[in-house]
Amino acid sequence: MVEKLNQSASSAGRPAQILMIATYVVGFVGAFIGFGTVHGSAPSLNVAAILAVFATGVLSFLRHAVWSRSDAVRGGWDYGVRNNFQIEVGLANLAWGVFALLAVVLDWGLRVVAASFLISGLYFAAVALFVIVIGDFKNRRVGGLIGIAVWAAIMIALGLTGMSAS
């Protein structure tokens, strides 16, 4: 019986797991592009922002808000009811993603696009620090915490590099 419940929880978390993997893939491709383009003769983070900030923001919104129960199962914090705060986190991800898109489409300049990386990176750094400070290693796997911290460092580095290049 317990094994059947574990299998059910595992399959319930699958959509969120797929979205999480897609977020990492798109984000790291964007970051890779960003480190290449920000050091060019005409420094830019536009393509990187579309992938690493906008696309990851949209994917995170979908995971946290649209597939919130699946994401809760994946994260090990399914309370059996809709968690409005989780949906709010998804909306925050969407907001900074849309900000990055607007910065690129409306040509607000490298400094503003770089700021979109800093906003995202500082958020993830705060999340990683929070998990460490409260010691929530029962619900957060160490690998996931390392992933958040690495992603935060990459986003902050791109943001600061973009600021310096502007």
Protein backbone atom coordinates (compact mmCIF):
# COMPACT_ATOMS: atom_id res chain seq x y z
CA MET A 1 0.00 0.00 0.00
CA VAL A 2 2.78 2.46 0.95
CA GLU A 3 4.64 1.61 -2.27
CA LYS A 4 1.51 2.40 -4.32
CA LEU A 5 1.17 5.78 -2.56
CA ASN A 6 4.84 6.56 -3.26
CA GLN A 7 4.38 5.69 -6.95
CA SER A 8 1.29 7.91 -7.09
CA ALA A 9 3.16 10.85 -5.51
CA SER A 10 6.08 10.30 -7.87
CA SER A 11 3.87 10.44 -10.97
CA ALA A 12 1.98 13.45 -9.57
CA GLY A 13 5.27 15.36 -9.38
CA ARG A 14 6.32 14.44 -12.92
CA PRO A 15 4.89 17.54 -14.75
CA ALA A 16 6.70 19.85 -12.33
CA GLN A 17 9.89 17.81 -12.66
CA ILE A 18 9.76 18.14 -16.46
CA LEU A 19 9.21 21.91 -16.13
CA MET A 20 12.11 22.14 -13.65
CA ILE A 21 14.46 20.34 -16.04
CA ALA A 22 13.30 22.56 -18.93
CA THR A 23 13.93 25.62 -16.75
CA TYR A 24 17.50 24.55 -16.01
CA VAL A 25 18.23 23.69 -19.66
CA VAL A 26 16.83 26.95 -21.07
CA GLY A 27 18.41 28.97 -18.27
CA PHE A 28 21.88 27.50 -18.64
CA VAL A 29 21.77 27.88 -22.43
CA GLY A 30 20.84 31.53 -21.90
CA ALA A 31 23.60 32.03 -19.34
CA PHE A 32 26.16 30.43 -21.65
CA ILE A 33 25.11 32.77 -24.44
CA GLY A 34 25.19 35.72 -22.05
CA PHE A 35 28.76 35.12 -20.93
CA GLY A 36 29.75 35.09 -24.60
CA THR A 37 27.80 38.13 -25.74
CA VAL A 38 28.40 40.43 -22.77
CA HIS A 39 32.15 40.42 -23.49
CA GLY A 40 31.76 41.23 -27.20
CA SER A 41 32.68 44.47 -28.96
CA ALA A 42 29.02 45.48 -28.66
CA PRO A 43 28.13 44.00 -25.24
CA SER A 44 24.63 42.56 -25.04
CA LEU A 45 22.58 40.37 -22.77
CA ASN A 46 19.41 40.49 -24.87
CA VAL A 47 19.25 36.87 -26.05
CA ALA A 48 20.47 35.69 -22.66
CA ALA A 49 17.73 37.70 -20.92
CA ILE A 50 15.03 36.22 -23.14
CA LEU A 51 16.19 32.71 -22.22
CA ALA A 52 17.69 32.98 -18.72
CA VAL A 53 15.25 35.49 -17.23
CA PHE A 54 12.07 35.63 -19.34
CA ALA A 55 11.75 31.97 -20.39
CA THR A 56 12.79 30.65 -16.98
CA GLY A 57 10.36 33.08 -15.36
CA VAL A 58 7.51 31.79 -17.52
CA LEU A 59 8.46 28.15 -16.91
CA SER A 60 8.72 28.79 -13.17
CA PHE A 61 5.35 30.52 -13.21
CA LEU A 62 3.82 27.51 -14.93
CA ARG A 63 5.44 25.13 -12.45
CA HIS A 64 4.56 27.12 -9.30
CA ALA A 65 1.13 28.46 -10.28
CA VAL A 66 -0.46 26.34 -13.00
CA TRP A 67 0.95 22.98 -11.88
CA SER A 68 1.21 24.02 -8.23
CA ARG A 69 0.11 20.68 -6.76
CA SER A 70 2.57 18.79 -8.94
CA ASP A 71 5.31 21.19 -7.87
CA ALA A 72 4.35 20.75 -4.22
CA VAL A 73 4.61 16.97 -4.58
CA ARG A 74 7.96 17.35 -6.37
CA GLY A 75 9.26 19.61 -3.61
CA GLY A 76 8.03 17.40 -0.80
CA TRP A 77 5.61 19.99 0.63
CA ASP A 78 2.19 18.92 -0.62
CA TYR A 79 -0.32 19.92 2.05
CA GLY A 80 -3.26 18.52 0.12
CA VAL A 81 -4.68 21.96 -0.62
CA ARG A 82 -3.85 24.83 -2.94
CA ASN A 83 -1.03 26.92 -1.54
CA ASN A 84 -1.68 30.53 -2.55
CA PHE A 85 1.80 31.59 -1.51
CA GLN A 86 3.27 29.14 -4.01
CA ILE A 87 1.14 30.77 -6.70
CA GLU A 88 2.41 34.19 -5.57
CA VAL A 89 5.99 32.94 -6.02
CA GLY A 90 5.06 31.88 -9.55
CA LEU A 91 3.67 35.35 -10.23
CA ALA A 92 6.92 36.92 -8.95
CA ASN A 93 8.90 34.71 -11.36
CA LEU A 94 6.60 35.79 -14.17
CA ALA A 95 6.94 39.48 -13.22
CA TRP A 96 10.72 39.63 -13.46
CA GLY A 97 10.57 37.55 -16.63
CA VAL A 98 8.18 40.03 -18.22
CA PHE A 99 10.38 42.89 -16.98
CA ALA A 100 13.36 41.33 -18.84
CA LEU A 101 11.26 40.88 -21.98
CA LEU A 102 10.13 44.52 -21.86
CA ALA A 103 13.72 45.69 -21.31
CA VAL A 104 14.82 43.85 -24.46
CA VAL A 105 11.81 44.55 -26.69
CA LEU A 106 11.56 48.22 -25.72
CA ASP A 107 15.35 48.63 -25.97
CA TRP A 108 15.86 50.00 -22.46
CA GLY A 109 19.59 49.32 -22.70
CA LEU A 110 22.18 46.97 -21.29
CA ARG A 111 22.07 48.44 -17.79
CA VAL A 112 18.34 47.67 -17.40
CA VAL A 113 18.67 44.21 -18.96
CA ALA A 114 21.57 43.52 -16.56
CA ALA A 115 19.33 44.65 -13.70
CA SER A 116 16.87 41.90 -14.64
CA PHE A 117 19.64 39.35 -14.03
CA LEU A 118 20.47 40.94 -10.69
CA ILE A 119 16.84 40.90 -9.55
CA SER A 120 16.53 37.22 -10.38
CA GLY A 121 19.93 36.30 -8.97
CA LEU A 122 19.43 38.14 -5.70
CA TYR A 123 16.08 36.43 -5.21
CA PHE A 124 17.62 32.98 -5.66
CA ALA A 125 20.55 33.87 -3.39
CA ALA A 126 18.06 34.91 -0.71
CA VAL A 127 16.17 31.62 -1.12
CA ALA A 128 19.39 29.61 -0.77
CA LEU A 129 20.46 31.62 2.28
CA PHE A 130 17.03 31.22 3.85
CA VAL A 131 17.11 27.43 3.42
CA ILE A 132 20.60 27.29 4.94
CA VAL A 133 19.73 29.55 7.88
CA ILE A 134 16.56 27.70 8.81
CA GLY A 135 18.17 24.33 8.09
CA ASP A 136 15.24 23.06 6.02
CA PHE A 137 17.09 20.05 4.67
CA LYS A 138 14.17 17.71 5.30
CA ASN A 139 12.06 19.35 2.59
CA ARG A 140 14.93 20.67 0.43
CA ARG A 141 17.39 18.25 -1.03
CA VAL A 142 21.03 19.36 -0.85
CA GLY A 143 21.36 18.95 -4.63
CA GLY A 144 18.46 21.33 -5.15
CA LEU A 145 20.00 23.82 -2.75
CA ILE A 146 23.30 23.65 -4.61
CA GLY A 147 21.43 24.19 -7.88
CA ILE A 148 19.69 27.30 -6.51
CA ALA A 149 22.96 28.69 -5.15
CA VAL A 150 24.85 28.07 -8.40
CA TRP A 151 22.03 29.60 -10.44
CA ALA A 152 22.00 32.65 -8.13
CA ALA A 153 25.76 33.10 -8.56
CA ILE A 154 25.51 32.83 -12.36
CA MET A 155 22.67 35.35 -12.55
CA ILE A 156 24.42 37.81 -10.22
CA ALA A 157 27.68 37.44 -12.16
CA LEU A 158 25.91 38.13 -15.46
CA GLY A 159 24.10 41.09 -13.95
CA LEU A 160 27.27 42.63 -12.54
CA THR A 161 29.21 41.93 -15.74
CA GLY A 162 26.45 43.57 -17.75
CA MET A 163 26.49 46.60 -15.45
CA SER A 164 30.25 46.91 -15.87
CA ALA A 165 29.99 46.60 -19.66
CA SER A 166 27.26 49.26 -19.96
